[in-house]
């Protein structure tokens, strides 16, 4: 049973102090190089975007602090907020206030946030394209790898051989197949989906086979004694028992897929977040490059959050 969290512990945390520090450093004058060629209004406008964003984080933190019931959740959200504050404090001091790093390569946070607002419509389009690409390759890998893993994993003879083959082929980076994909497949989007499929297939296939091989033989023997048919054995008993290992392989596949997503979109796509980053980095627009990197991180975090929730739901029996 969770003890009630005192109001003092809810509201008096180091995160709120860091937010105050961020507000105080806005009083510092900007570096001289920031003023050249810019109006004071433009400088102030970029700072406002950073302050508004930080204020939104602080409001969310206060709302969670007042409503959350578990102490662990409060500590986690507070620590994450503190990390965001520290990053923005260091970023602001190193760029807008003291010009420690190049403004062209690393613009101040306010300028980046303003660019996010300006590009919100095209960014949504690129996010949709990237997620659709991941969905195509990953879902196709699940549909093919799980049934094959169930079949091969159920046979001790073929399972051992298939496991060795999957480890060998799975160790080959899927990007090496891109030249063949471009030569054989009709469109660049198909090539990109192929890369994601190959990146996802082998971890899911291997995870499924491992899950089958680790099943307690007593469970299988008991099912056979009760006269369970082979198809029911595979999908009703074996699949459920192997589900933790299957989801572990799927998680690994999803991680590798996102790593290769940017590479696939940079080489063989005309939209998507990877294309967004590469296009603007080639043009020397590092503000939009940083925007793309940050958005990629946010999208991946949200996808894995949803996947973890799904995993908890499917494994709730544990």
C-alpha atoms as a PDB file:
ATOM      1  CA  UNK A   1       0.000   0.000   0.000  1.00  0.00           C
ATOM      2  CA  UNK A   2       1.400   3.416  -1.025  1.00  0.00           C
ATOM      3  CA  UNK A   3       1.753   6.026   1.668  1.00  0.00           C
ATOM      4  CA  UNK A   4       0.280   9.441   1.006  1.00  0.00           C
ATOM      5  CA  UNK A   5       2.902  11.841  -0.347  1.00  0.00           C
ATOM      6  CA  UNK A   6       3.187  15.017   1.766  1.00  0.00           C
ATOM      7  CA  UNK A   7       2.460  18.295  -0.012  1.00  0.00           C
ATOM      8  CA  UNK A   8       5.944  19.558   0.825  1.00  0.00           C
ATOM      9  CA  UNK A   9       7.553  16.659  -1.018  1.00  0.00           C
ATOM     10  CA  UNK A  10       5.247  17.174  -3.965  1.00  0.00           C
ATOM     11  CA  UNK A  11       6.021  20.859  -4.525  1.00  0.00           C
ATOM     12  CA  UNK A  12       9.490  21.496  -3.098  1.00  0.00           C
ATOM     13  CA  UNK A  13      11.820  19.672  -5.464  1.00  0.00           C
ATOM     14  CA  UNK A  14      15.139  20.494  -7.124  1.00  0.00           C
ATOM     15  CA  UNK A  15      13.408  20.630 -10.528  1.00  0.00           C
ATOM     16  CA  UNK A  16      11.536  23.804  -9.587  1.00  0.00           C
ATOM     17  CA  UNK A  17      14.804  25.427  -8.502  1.00  0.00           C
ATOM     18  CA  UNK A  18      16.364  24.585 -11.866  1.00  0.00           C
ATOM     19  CA  UNK A  19      13.406  26.207 -13.621  1.00  0.00           C
ATOM     20  CA  UNK A  20      14.031  29.373 -11.589  1.00  0.00           C
ATOM     21  CA  UNK A  21      17.707  29.254 -12.594  1.00  0.00           C
ATOM     22  CA  UNK A  22      16.695  29.020 -16.256  1.00  0.00           C
ATOM     23  CA  UNK A  23      14.501  32.100 -15.887  1.00  0.00           C
ATOM     24  CA  UNK A  24      17.296  34.023 -14.157  1.00  0.00           C
ATOM     25  CA  UNK A  25      19.847  33.398 -16.902  1.00  0.00           C
ATOM     26  CA  UNK A  26      17.469  35.029 -19.374  1.00  0.00           C
ATOM     27  CA  UNK A  27      18.370  38.312 -17.672  1.00  0.00           C
ATOM     28  CA  UNK A  28      21.982  37.963 -18.804  1.00  0.00           C
ATOM     29  CA  UNK A  29      22.766  40.021 -21.930  1.00  0.00           C
ATOM     30  CA  UNK A  30      23.259  38.080 -25.160  1.00  0.00           C
ATOM     31  CA  UNK A  31      26.732  37.549 -26.599  1.00  0.00           C
ATOM     32  CA  UNK A  32      27.896  40.306 -28.915  1.00  0.00           C
ATOM     33  CA  UNK A  33      28.018  37.978 -31.917  1.00  0.00           C
ATOM     34  CA  UNK A  34      24.320  37.312 -31.445  1.00  0.00           C
ATOM     35  CA  UNK A  35      23.502  40.978 -31.917  1.00  0.00           C
ATOM     36  CA  UNK A  36      25.307  41.500 -35.204  1.00  0.00           C
ATOM     37  CA  UNK A  37      22.818  41.465 -38.066  1.00  0.00           C
ATOM     38  CA  UNK A  38      19.854  40.881 -35.769  1.00  0.00           C
ATOM     39  CA  UNK A  39      17.351  43.160 -34.161  1.00  0.00           C
ATOM     40  CA  UNK A  40      16.772  43.134 -30.433  1.00  0.00           C
ATOM     41  CA  UNK A  41      13.176  42.157 -31.175  1.00  0.00           C
ATOM     42  CA  UNK A  42      14.288  38.998 -33.013  1.00  0.00           C
ATOM     43  CA  UNK A  43      16.620  38.050 -30.161  1.00  0.00           C
ATOM     44  CA  UNK A  44      13.870  38.585 -27.587  1.00  0.00           C
ATOM     45  CA  UNK A  45      11.395  36.620 -29.712  1.00  0.00           C
ATOM     46  CA  UNK A  46      13.650  33.550 -29.813  1.00  0.00           C
ATOM     47  CA  UNK A  47      14.151  33.745 -26.029  1.00  0.00           C
ATOM     48  CA  UNK A  48      10.390  33.912 -25.496  1.00  0.00           C
ATOM     49  CA  UNK A  49       9.920  30.596 -27.275  1.00  0.00           C
ATOM     50  CA  UNK A  50      12.392  28.925 -24.907  1.00  0.00           C
ATOM     51  CA  UNK A  51      10.750  30.474 -21.832  1.00  0.00           C
ATOM     52  CA  UNK A  52       7.266  29.424 -22.969  1.00  0.00           C
ATOM     53  CA  UNK A  53       8.437  25.858 -23.567  1.00  0.00           C
ATOM     54  CA  UNK A  54      10.114  25.647 -20.172  1.00  0.00           C
ATOM     55  CA  UNK A  55       7.005  27.138 -18.532  1.00  0.00           C
ATOM     56  CA  UNK A  56       4.908  24.426 -20.178  1.00  0.00           C
ATOM     57  CA  UNK A  57       7.232  21.762 -18.761  1.00  0.00           C
ATOM     58  CA  UNK A  58       6.987  23.376 -15.322  1.00  0.00           C
ATOM     59  CA  UNK A  59       3.195  23.473 -15.464  1.00  0.00           C
ATOM     60  CA  UNK A  60       3.124  19.779 -16.405  1.00  0.00           C
ATOM     61  CA  UNK A  61       5.500  19.003 -13.539  1.00  0.00           C
ATOM     62  CA  UNK A  62       3.316  20.865 -11.029  1.00  0.00           C
ATOM     63  CA  UNK A  63       0.181  19.155 -12.340  1.00  0.00           C
ATOM     64  CA  UNK A  64       1.777  15.713 -12.046  1.00  0.00           C
ATOM     65  CA  UNK A  65       3.190  16.548  -8.614  1.00  0.00           C
ATOM     66  CA  UNK A  66      -0.269  17.425  -7.308  1.00  0.00           C
ATOM     67  CA  UNK A  67      -2.147  14.507  -8.845  1.00  0.00           C
ATOM     68  CA  UNK A  68       0.195  11.518  -8.960  1.00  0.00           C
ATOM     69  CA  UNK A  69      -0.346   8.805  -6.358  1.00  0.00           C
ATOM     70  CA  UNK A  70       2.866   6.785  -6.607  1.00  0.00           C
ATOM     71  CA  UNK A  71       6.075   8.229  -5.213  1.00  0.00           C
ATOM     72  CA  UNK A  72       8.107   6.437  -7.909  1.00  0.00           C
ATOM     73  CA  UNK A  73       6.168   8.193 -10.671  1.00  0.00           C
ATOM     74  CA  UNK A  74       6.684  11.578  -9.022  1.00  0.00           C
ATOM     75  CA  UNK A  75      10.422  10.993  -8.664  1.00  0.00           C
ATOM     76  CA  UNK A  76      10.721   9.794 -12.264  1.00  0.00           C
ATOM     77  CA  UNK A  77       8.840  12.748 -13.755  1.00  0.00           C
ATOM     78  CA  UNK A  78      10.758  15.170 -11.540  1.00  0.00           C
ATOM     79  CA  UNK A  79      14.103  13.705 -12.589  1.00  0.00           C
ATOM     80  CA  UNK A  80      13.200  13.829 -16.279  1.00  0.00           C
ATOM     81  CA  UNK A  81      12.121  17.470 -15.917  1.00  0.00           C
ATOM     82  CA  UNK A  82      15.361  18.264 -14.090  1.00  0.00           C
ATOM     83  CA  UNK A  83      17.330  16.725 -16.946  1.00  0.00           C
ATOM     84  CA  UNK A  84      15.436  18.883 -19.487  1.00  0.00           C
ATOM     85  CA  UNK A  85      16.116  22.007 -17.416  1.00  0.00           C
ATOM     86  CA  UNK A  86      19.831  21.235 -17.107  1.00  0.00           C
ATOM     87  CA  UNK A  87      20.139  20.655 -20.869  1.00  0.00           C
ATOM     88  CA  UNK A  88      18.379  23.933 -21.682  1.00  0.00           C
ATOM     89  CA  UNK A  89      20.408  25.875 -19.107  1.00  0.00           C
ATOM     90  CA  UNK A  90      23.698  24.571 -20.501  1.00  0.00           C
ATOM     91  CA  UNK A  91      22.500  25.032 -24.083  1.00  0.00           C
ATOM     92  CA  UNK A  92      21.430  28.627 -23.484  1.00  0.00           C
ATOM     93  CA  UNK A  93      24.637  29.579 -21.664  1.00  0.00           C
ATOM     94  CA  UNK A  94      26.875  27.973 -24.292  1.00  0.00           C
ATOM     95  CA  UNK A  95      25.095  29.621 -27.229  1.00  0.00           C
ATOM     96  CA  UNK A  96      22.919  32.668 -26.618  1.00  0.00           C
ATOM     97  CA  UNK A  97      24.734  34.067 -23.576  1.00  0.00           C
ATOM     98  CA  UNK A  98      28.454  33.319 -23.909  1.00  0.00           C
ATOM     99  CA  UNK A  99      28.891  32.075 -27.489  1.00  0.00           C
ATOM    100  CA  UNK A 100      31.110  29.147 -26.517  1.00  0.00           C
ATOM    101  CA  UNK A 101      30.066  27.191 -29.610  1.00  0.00           C
ATOM    102  CA  UNK A 102      29.275  28.232 -33.158  1.00  0.00           C
ATOM    103  CA  UNK A 103      25.846  29.768 -33.592  1.00  0.00           C
ATOM    104  CA  UNK A 104      25.682  28.416 -37.145  1.00  0.00           C
ATOM    105  CA  UNK A 105      26.167  24.816 -36.021  1.00  0.00           C
ATOM    106  CA  UNK A 106      24.327  25.037 -32.690  1.00  0.00           C
ATOM    107  CA  UNK A 107      21.691  27.778 -32.627  1.00  0.00           C
ATOM    108  CA  UNK A 108      20.153  28.771 -29.264  1.00  0.00           C
ATOM    109  CA  UNK A 109      17.196  26.712 -28.035  1.00  0.00           C
ATOM    110  CA  UNK A 110      14.693  29.509 -28.647  1.00  0.00           C
ATOM    111  CA  UNK A 111      15.580  29.627 -32.348  1.00  0.00           C
ATOM    112  CA  UNK A 112      15.232  25.838 -32.634  1.00  0.00           C
ATOM    113  CA  UNK A 113      11.849  25.864 -30.899  1.00  0.00           C
ATOM    114  CA  UNK A 114      10.642  28.687 -33.124  1.00  0.00           C
ATOM    115  CA  UNK A 115      11.694  26.619 -36.152  1.00  0.00           C
ATOM    116  CA  UNK A 116       9.703  23.656 -34.828  1.00  0.00           C
ATOM    117  CA  UNK A 117       6.579  25.818 -34.741  1.00  0.00           C
ATOM    118  CA  UNK A 118       7.285  27.150 -38.235  1.00  0.00           C
ATOM    119  CA  UNK A 119       7.819  23.662 -39.686  1.00  0.00           C
ATOM    120  CA  UNK A 120       5.095  21.851 -37.749  1.00  0.00           C
ATOM    121  CA  UNK A 121       3.059  21.007 -40.884  1.00  0.00           C
ATOM    122  CA  UNK A 122       5.916  19.534 -42.972  1.00  0.00           C
ATOM    123  CA  UNK A 123       7.273  17.794 -39.867  1.00  0.00           C
ATOM    124  CA  UNK A 124       3.959  16.017 -39.354  1.00  0.00           C
ATOM    125  CA  UNK A 125       4.141  14.834 -42.946  1.00  0.00           C
ATOM    126  CA  UNK A 126       7.679  13.516 -42.484  1.00  0.00           C
ATOM    127  CA  UNK A 127       6.719  11.827 -39.196  1.00  0.00           C
ATOM    128  CA  UNK A 128       3.791  10.101 -40.912  1.00  0.00           C
ATOM    129  CA  UNK A 129       6.040   8.919 -43.749  1.00  0.00           C
ATOM    130  CA  UNK A 130       8.630   7.504 -41.328  1.00  0.00           C
ATOM    131  CA  UNK A 131       6.066   5.765 -39.138  1.00  0.00           C
ATOM    132  CA  UNK A 132       4.337   4.296 -42.206  1.00  0.00           C
ATOM    133  CA  UNK A 133       7.684   2.962 -43.420  1.00  0.00           C
ATOM    134  CA  UNK A 134       8.422   1.405 -40.027  1.00  0.00           C
ATOM    135  CA  UNK A 135       4.902  -0.048 -39.853  1.00  0.00           C
ATOM    136  CA  UNK A 136       5.225  -1.690 -43.281  1.00  0.00           C
ATOM    137  CA  UNK A 137       8.605  -3.298 -42.696  1.00  0.00           C
ATOM    138  CA  UNK A 138       8.043  -4.227 -39.040  1.00  0.00           C
ATOM    139  CA  UNK A 139       4.532  -5.639 -39.496  1.00  0.00           C
ATOM    140  CA  UNK A 140       5.628  -7.713 -42.510  1.00  0.00           C
ATOM    141  CA  UNK A 141       8.519  -9.071 -40.439  1.00  0.00           C
ATOM    142  CA  UNK A 142       6.151 -10.016 -37.599  1.00  0.00           C
ATOM    143  CA  UNK A 143       3.700 -11.718 -39.939  1.00  0.00           C
ATOM    144  CA  UNK A 144       6.424 -13.849 -41.522  1.00  0.00           C
ATOM    145  CA  UNK A 145       8.972 -14.333 -38.718  1.00  0.00           C
ATOM    146  CA  UNK A 146       6.628 -15.449 -35.918  1.00  0.00           C
ATOM    147  CA  UNK A 147       4.919 -18.316 -37.832  1.00  0.00           C
ATOM    148  CA  UNK A 148       8.269 -19.483 -39.240  1.00  0.00           C
ATOM    149  CA  UNK A 149       9.836 -19.279 -35.792  1.00  0.00           C
ATOM    150  CA  UNK A 150       7.001 -21.368 -34.378  1.00  0.00           C
ATOM    151  CA  UNK A 151       7.432 -24.039 -37.054  1.00  0.00           C
ATOM    152  CA  UNK A 152      11.237 -24.266 -36.912  1.00  0.00           C
ATOM    153  CA  UNK A 153      11.412 -23.869 -33.143  1.00  0.00           C
ATOM    154  CA  UNK A 154       9.053 -26.808 -32.643  1.00  0.00           C
ATOM    155  CA  UNK A 155      11.575 -29.133 -34.285  1.00  0.00           C
ATOM    156  CA  UNK A 156      14.775 -29.814 -32.347  1.00  0.00           C
ATOM    157  CA  UNK A 157      16.607 -30.836 -35.520  1.00  0.00           C
ATOM    158  CA  UNK A 158      15.582 -27.965 -37.791  1.00  0.00           C
ATOM    159  CA  UNK A 159      15.473 -25.449 -34.946  1.00  0.00           C
ATOM    160  CA  UNK A 160      19.177 -25.801 -34.171  1.00  0.00           C
ATOM    161  CA  UNK A 161      20.139 -25.400 -37.822  1.00  0.00           C
ATOM    162  CA  UNK A 162      17.777 -22.462 -38.333  1.00  0.00           C
ATOM    163  CA  UNK A 163      19.146 -20.788 -35.209  1.00  0.00           C
ATOM    164  CA  UNK A 164      22.703 -20.934 -36.573  1.00  0.00           C
ATOM    165  CA  UNK A 165      21.578 -19.634 -39.961  1.00  0.00           C
ATOM    166  CA  UNK A 166      19.616 -16.762 -38.390  1.00  0.00           C
ATOM    167  CA  UNK A 167      22.604 -15.708 -36.283  1.00  0.00           C
ATOM    168  CA  UNK A 168      24.821 -15.666 -39.385  1.00  0.00           C
ATOM    169  CA  UNK A 169      22.445 -13.789 -41.689  1.00  0.00           C
ATOM    170  CA  UNK A 170      21.181 -11.526 -38.890  1.00  0.00           C
ATOM    171  CA  UNK A 171      24.738 -10.332 -38.243  1.00  0.00           C
ATOM    172  CA  UNK A 172      24.921  -8.856 -41.771  1.00  0.00           C
ATOM    173  CA  UNK A 173      23.916  -5.138 -41.740  1.00  0.00           C
ATOM    174  CA  UNK A 174      20.767  -4.796 -43.882  1.00  0.00           C
ATOM    175  CA  UNK A 175      22.099  -1.603 -45.490  1.00  0.00           C
ATOM    176  CA  UNK A 176      24.464  -3.721 -47.618  1.00  0.00           C
ATOM    177  CA  UNK A 177      21.412  -4.998 -49.487  1.00  0.00           C
ATOM    178  CA  UNK A 178      20.382  -1.504 -50.586  1.00  0.00           C
ATOM    179  CA  UNK A 179      22.282  -1.612 -53.945  1.00  0.00           C
ATOM    180  CA  UNK A 180      20.540  -4.887 -54.815  1.00  0.00           C
ATOM    181  CA  UNK A 181      17.220  -3.480 -53.685  1.00  0.00           C
ATOM    182  CA  UNK A 182      17.643  -0.438 -55.906  1.00  0.00           C
ATOM    183  CA  UNK A 183      18.492  -2.703 -58.855  1.00  0.00           C
ATOM    184  CA  UNK A 184      15.647  -5.177 -58.306  1.00  0.00           C
ATOM    185  CA  UNK A 185      12.767  -3.295 -56.674  1.00  0.00           C
ATOM    186  CA  UNK A 186      10.544  -0.764 -58.465  1.00  0.00           C
ATOM    187  CA  UNK A 187      10.643   2.231 -56.073  1.00  0.00           C
ATOM    188  CA  UNK A 188      12.882   3.792 -53.426  1.00  0.00           C
ATOM    189  CA  UNK A 189      10.093   3.409 -50.849  1.00  0.00           C
ATOM    190  CA  UNK A 190      10.056  -0.329 -51.463  1.00  0.00           C
ATOM    191  CA  UNK A 191      13.812  -0.446 -50.947  1.00  0.00           C
ATOM    192  CA  UNK A 192      13.475   1.405 -47.654  1.00  0.00           C
ATOM    193  CA  UNK A 193      10.729  -0.958 -46.502  1.00  0.00           C
ATOM    194  CA  UNK A 194      12.947  -3.899 -47.462  1.00  0.00           C
ATOM    195  CA  UNK A 195      15.753  -2.586 -45.242  1.00  0.00           C
ATOM    196  CA  UNK A 196      13.373  -2.260 -42.291  1.00  0.00           C
ATOM    197  CA  UNK A 197      11.963  -5.725 -42.982  1.00  0.00           C
ATOM    198  CA  UNK A 198      15.406  -7.350 -43.025  1.00  0.00           C
ATOM    199  CA  UNK A 199      16.405  -5.475 -39.873  1.00  0.00           C
ATOM    200  CA  UNK A 200      13.269  -6.682 -38.059  1.00  0.00           C
ATOM    201  CA  UNK A 201      12.896 -10.231 -39.369  1.00  0.00           C
ATOM    202  CA  UNK A 202      15.890 -11.971 -37.826  1.00  0.00           C
ATOM    203  CA  UNK A 203      15.560 -10.680 -34.231  1.00  0.00           C
ATOM    204  CA  UNK A 204      11.860 -11.638 -34.219  1.00  0.00           C
ATOM    205  CA  UNK A 205      12.554 -14.992 -35.849  1.00  0.00           C
ATOM    206  CA  UNK A 206      15.365 -15.757 -33.407  1.00  0.00           C
ATOM    207  CA  UNK A 207      13.330 -14.586 -30.410  1.00  0.00           C
ATOM    208  CA  UNK A 208      10.410 -16.793 -31.433  1.00  0.00           C
ATOM    209  CA  UNK A 209      12.588 -19.871 -31.830  1.00  0.00           C
ATOM    210  CA  UNK A 210      14.333 -19.235 -28.505  1.00  0.00           C
ATOM    211  CA  UNK A 211      10.977 -18.877 -26.820  1.00  0.00           C
ATOM    212  CA  UNK A 212       9.807 -22.192 -28.254  1.00  0.00           C
ATOM    213  CA  UNK A 213      12.991 -23.999 -27.247  1.00  0.00           C
ATOM    214  CA  UNK A 214      12.830 -22.678 -23.673  1.00  0.00           C
ATOM    215  CA  UNK A 215       9.283 -23.948 -23.069  1.00  0.00           C
ATOM    216  CA  UNK A 216       8.991 -26.473 -20.275  1.00  0.00           C
ATOM    217  CA  UNK A 217       8.597 -29.882 -21.939  1.00  0.00           C
ATOM    218  CA  UNK A 218       6.178 -30.960 -19.217  1.00  0.00           C
ATOM    219  CA  UNK A 219       3.657 -28.398 -20.484  1.00  0.00           C
ATOM    220  CA  UNK A 220       3.912 -29.745 -24.027  1.00  0.00           C
ATOM    221  CA  UNK A 221       3.714 -33.376 -22.901  1.00  0.00           C
ATOM    222  CA  UNK A 222       0.656 -32.648 -20.768  1.00  0.00           C
ATOM    223  CA  UNK A 223      -1.073 -30.973 -23.730  1.00  0.00           C
ATOM    224  CA  UNK A 224      -0.308 -33.967 -25.942  1.00  0.00           C
ATOM    225  CA  UNK A 225      -1.663 -36.320 -23.294  1.00  0.00           C
ATOM    226  CA  UNK A 226      -4.914 -34.352 -23.303  1.00  0.00           C
ATOM    227  CA  UNK A 227      -5.138 -34.782 -27.073  1.00  0.00           C
ATOM    228  CA  UNK A 228      -4.474 -31.175 -28.097  1.00  0.00           C
ATOM    229  CA  UNK A 229      -4.142 -30.907 -31.865  1.00  0.00           C
ATOM    230  CA  UNK A 230      -0.923 -29.682 -33.462  1.00  0.00           C
ATOM    231  CA  UNK A 231      -2.362 -26.362 -34.664  1.00  0.00           C
ATOM    232  CA  UNK A 232      -3.867 -25.625 -31.249  1.00  0.00           C
ATOM    233  CA  UNK A 233      -0.571 -26.660 -29.654  1.00  0.00           C
ATOM    234  CA  UNK A 234       1.294 -24.102 -31.749  1.00  0.00           C
ATOM    235  CA  UNK A 235      -1.003 -21.114 -31.385  1.00  0.00           C
ATOM    236  CA  UNK A 236      -2.805 -21.673 -28.066  1.00  0.00           C
ATOM    237  CA  UNK A 237      -0.055 -23.133 -25.897  1.00  0.00           C
ATOM    238  CA  UNK A 238       3.348 -22.735 -27.531  1.00  0.00           C
ATOM    239  CA  UNK A 239       2.790 -19.181 -28.740  1.00  0.00           C
ATOM    240  CA  UNK A 240       1.565 -17.961 -25.343  1.00  0.00           C
ATOM    241  CA  UNK A 241       4.436 -19.622 -23.485  1.00  0.00           C
ATOM    242  CA  UNK A 242       6.992 -18.174 -25.918  1.00  0.00           C
ATOM    243  CA  UNK A 243       5.436 -14.681 -25.935  1.00  0.00           C
ATOM    244  CA  UNK A 244       7.991 -13.072 -23.543  1.00  0.00           C
ATOM    245  CA  UNK A 245      10.895 -14.070 -25.814  1.00  0.00           C
ATOM    246  CA  UNK A 246       8.949 -13.067 -28.924  1.00  0.00           C
ATOM    247  CA  UNK A 247       8.322  -9.598 -27.504  1.00  0.00           C
ATOM    248  CA  UNK A 248      11.977  -9.331 -26.513  1.00  0.00           C
ATOM    249  CA  UNK A 249      12.976 -10.066 -30.089  1.00  0.00           C
ATOM    250  CA  UNK A 250      10.358  -7.603 -31.358  1.00  0.00           C
ATOM    251  CA  UNK A 251      11.768  -4.921 -29.059  1.00  0.00           C
ATOM    252  CA  UNK A 252      15.264  -5.535 -30.393  1.00  0.00           C
ATOM    253  CA  UNK A 253      13.919  -5.467 -33.945  1.00  0.00           C
ATOM    254  CA  UNK A 254      12.166  -2.164 -33.330  1.00  0.00           C
ATOM    255  CA  UNK A 255      15.381  -0.661 -31.964  1.00  0.00           C
ATOM    256  CA  UNK A 256      17.411  -1.775 -34.983  1.00  0.00           C
ATOM    257  CA  UNK A 257      14.650  -0.614 -37.341  1.00  0.00           C
ATOM    258  CA  UNK A 258      14.762   2.933 -36.014  1.00  0.00           C
ATOM    259  CA  UNK A 259      18.556   2.939 -36.195  1.00  0.00           C
ATOM    260  CA  UNK A 260      18.386   1.960 -39.859  1.00  0.00           C
ATOM    261  CA  UNK A 261      15.364   4.139 -40.636  1.00  0.00           C
ATOM    262  CA  UNK A 262      17.439   7.291 -40.995  1.00  0.00           C
ATOM    263  CA  UNK A 263      19.995   5.506 -43.176  1.00  0.00           C
ATOM    264  CA  UNK A 264      17.287   4.057 -45.393  1.00  0.00           C
ATOM    265  CA  UNK A 265      15.537   7.411 -45.792  1.00  0.00           C
ATOM    266  CA  UNK A 266      18.805   9.224 -46.450  1.00  0.00           C
ATOM    267  CA  UNK A 267      19.689   6.837 -49.259  1.00  0.00           C
ATOM    268  CA  UNK A 268      16.404   5.776 -50.776  1.00  0.00           C
ATOM    269  CA  UNK A 269      13.598   8.162 -49.858  1.00  0.00           C
ATOM    270  CA  UNK A 270      12.255  11.578 -50.754  1.00  0.00           C
ATOM    271  CA  UNK A 271      10.428  12.196 -47.478  1.00  0.00           C
ATOM    272  CA  UNK A 272      10.596  11.122 -43.858  1.00  0.00           C
ATOM    273  CA  UNK A 273      12.572  12.362 -40.888  1.00  0.00           C
ATOM    274  CA  UNK A 274      15.845  10.913 -42.162  1.00  0.00           C
ATOM    275  CA  UNK A 275      15.399  12.748 -45.442  1.00  0.00           C
ATOM    276  CA  UNK A 276      14.509  15.942 -43.532  1.00  0.00           C
ATOM    277  CA  UNK A 277      17.772  15.788 -41.557  1.00  0.00           C
ATOM    278  CA  UNK A 278      19.978  14.923 -44.535  1.00  0.00           C
ATOM    279  CA  UNK A 279      18.384  17.463 -46.863  1.00  0.00           C
ATOM    280  CA  UNK A 280      18.879  20.413 -44.522  1.00  0.00           C
ATOM    281  CA  UNK A 281      22.326  19.303 -43.363  1.00  0.00           C
ATOM    282  CA  UNK A 282      23.406  19.235 -47.024  1.00  0.00           C
ATOM    283  CA  UNK A 283      22.019  22.768 -47.371  1.00  0.00           C
ATOM    284  CA  UNK A 284      23.894  23.915 -44.261  1.00  0.00           C
ATOM    285  CA  UNK A 285      20.662  24.669 -42.390  1.00  0.00           C
ATOM    286  CA  UNK A 286      21.707  23.298 -38.999  1.00  0.00           C
ATOM    287  CA  UNK A 287      18.718  24.797 -37.205  1.00  0.00           C
ATOM    288  CA  UNK A 288      16.403  22.469 -39.087  1.00  0.00           C
ATOM    289  CA  UNK A 289      18.963  19.648 -38.764  1.00  0.00           C
ATOM    290  CA  UNK A 290      18.783  19.911 -34.962  1.00  0.00           C
ATOM    291  CA  UNK A 291      14.987  20.120 -35.183  1.00  0.00           C
ATOM    292  CA  UNK A 292      14.959  16.852 -37.121  1.00  0.00           C
ATOM    293  CA  UNK A 293      17.262  15.124 -34.636  1.00  0.00           C
ATOM    294  CA  UNK A 294      15.121  16.231 -31.678  1.00  0.00           C
ATOM    295  CA  UNK A 295      11.876  15.176 -33.370  1.00  0.00           C
ATOM    296  CA  UNK A 296      13.358  11.764 -34.204  1.00  0.00           C
ATOM    297  CA  UNK A 297      14.225  11.286 -30.536  1.00  0.00           C
ATOM    298  CA  UNK A 298      10.726  12.285 -29.424  1.00  0.00           C
ATOM    299  CA  UNK A 299       9.015  10.018 -31.966  1.00  0.00           C
ATOM    300  CA  UNK A 300      11.167   7.014 -31.023  1.00  0.00           C
ATOM    301  CA  UNK A 301      10.508   7.609 -27.323  1.00  0.00           C
ATOM    302  CA  UNK A 302       6.743   7.749 -27.893  1.00  0.00           C
ATOM    303  CA  UNK A 303       6.759   4.618 -30.046  1.00  0.00           C
ATOM    304  CA  UNK A 304       8.691   2.648 -27.422  1.00  0.00           C
ATOM    305  CA  UNK A 305       6.406   3.953 -24.699  1.00  0.00           C
ATOM    306  CA  UNK A 306       3.417   2.608 -26.631  1.00  0.00           C
ATOM    307  CA  UNK A 307       5.231  -0.677 -27.310  1.00  0.00           C
ATOM    308  CA  UNK A 308       6.072  -1.120 -23.625  1.00  0.00           C
ATOM    309  CA  UNK A 309       2.448  -0.506 -22.694  1.00  0.00           C
ATOM    310  CA  UNK A 310       1.383  -3.137 -25.235  1.00  0.00           C
ATOM    311  CA  UNK A 311       3.994  -5.537 -23.869  1.00  0.00           C
ATOM    312  CA  UNK A 312       2.709  -5.076 -20.315  1.00  0.00           C
ATOM    313  CA  UNK A 313      -0.847  -5.744 -21.507  1.00  0.00           C
ATOM    314  CA  UNK A 314       0.084  -8.915 -23.378  1.00  0.00           C
ATOM    315  CA  UNK A 315       2.169 -10.199 -20.463  1.00  0.00           C
ATOM    316  CA  UNK A 316      -0.251  -9.181 -17.746  1.00  0.00           C
ATOM    317  CA  UNK A 317      -0.657 -12.863 -16.830  1.00  0.00           C
ATOM    318  CA  UNK A 318       2.928 -12.856 -15.541  1.00  0.00           C
END
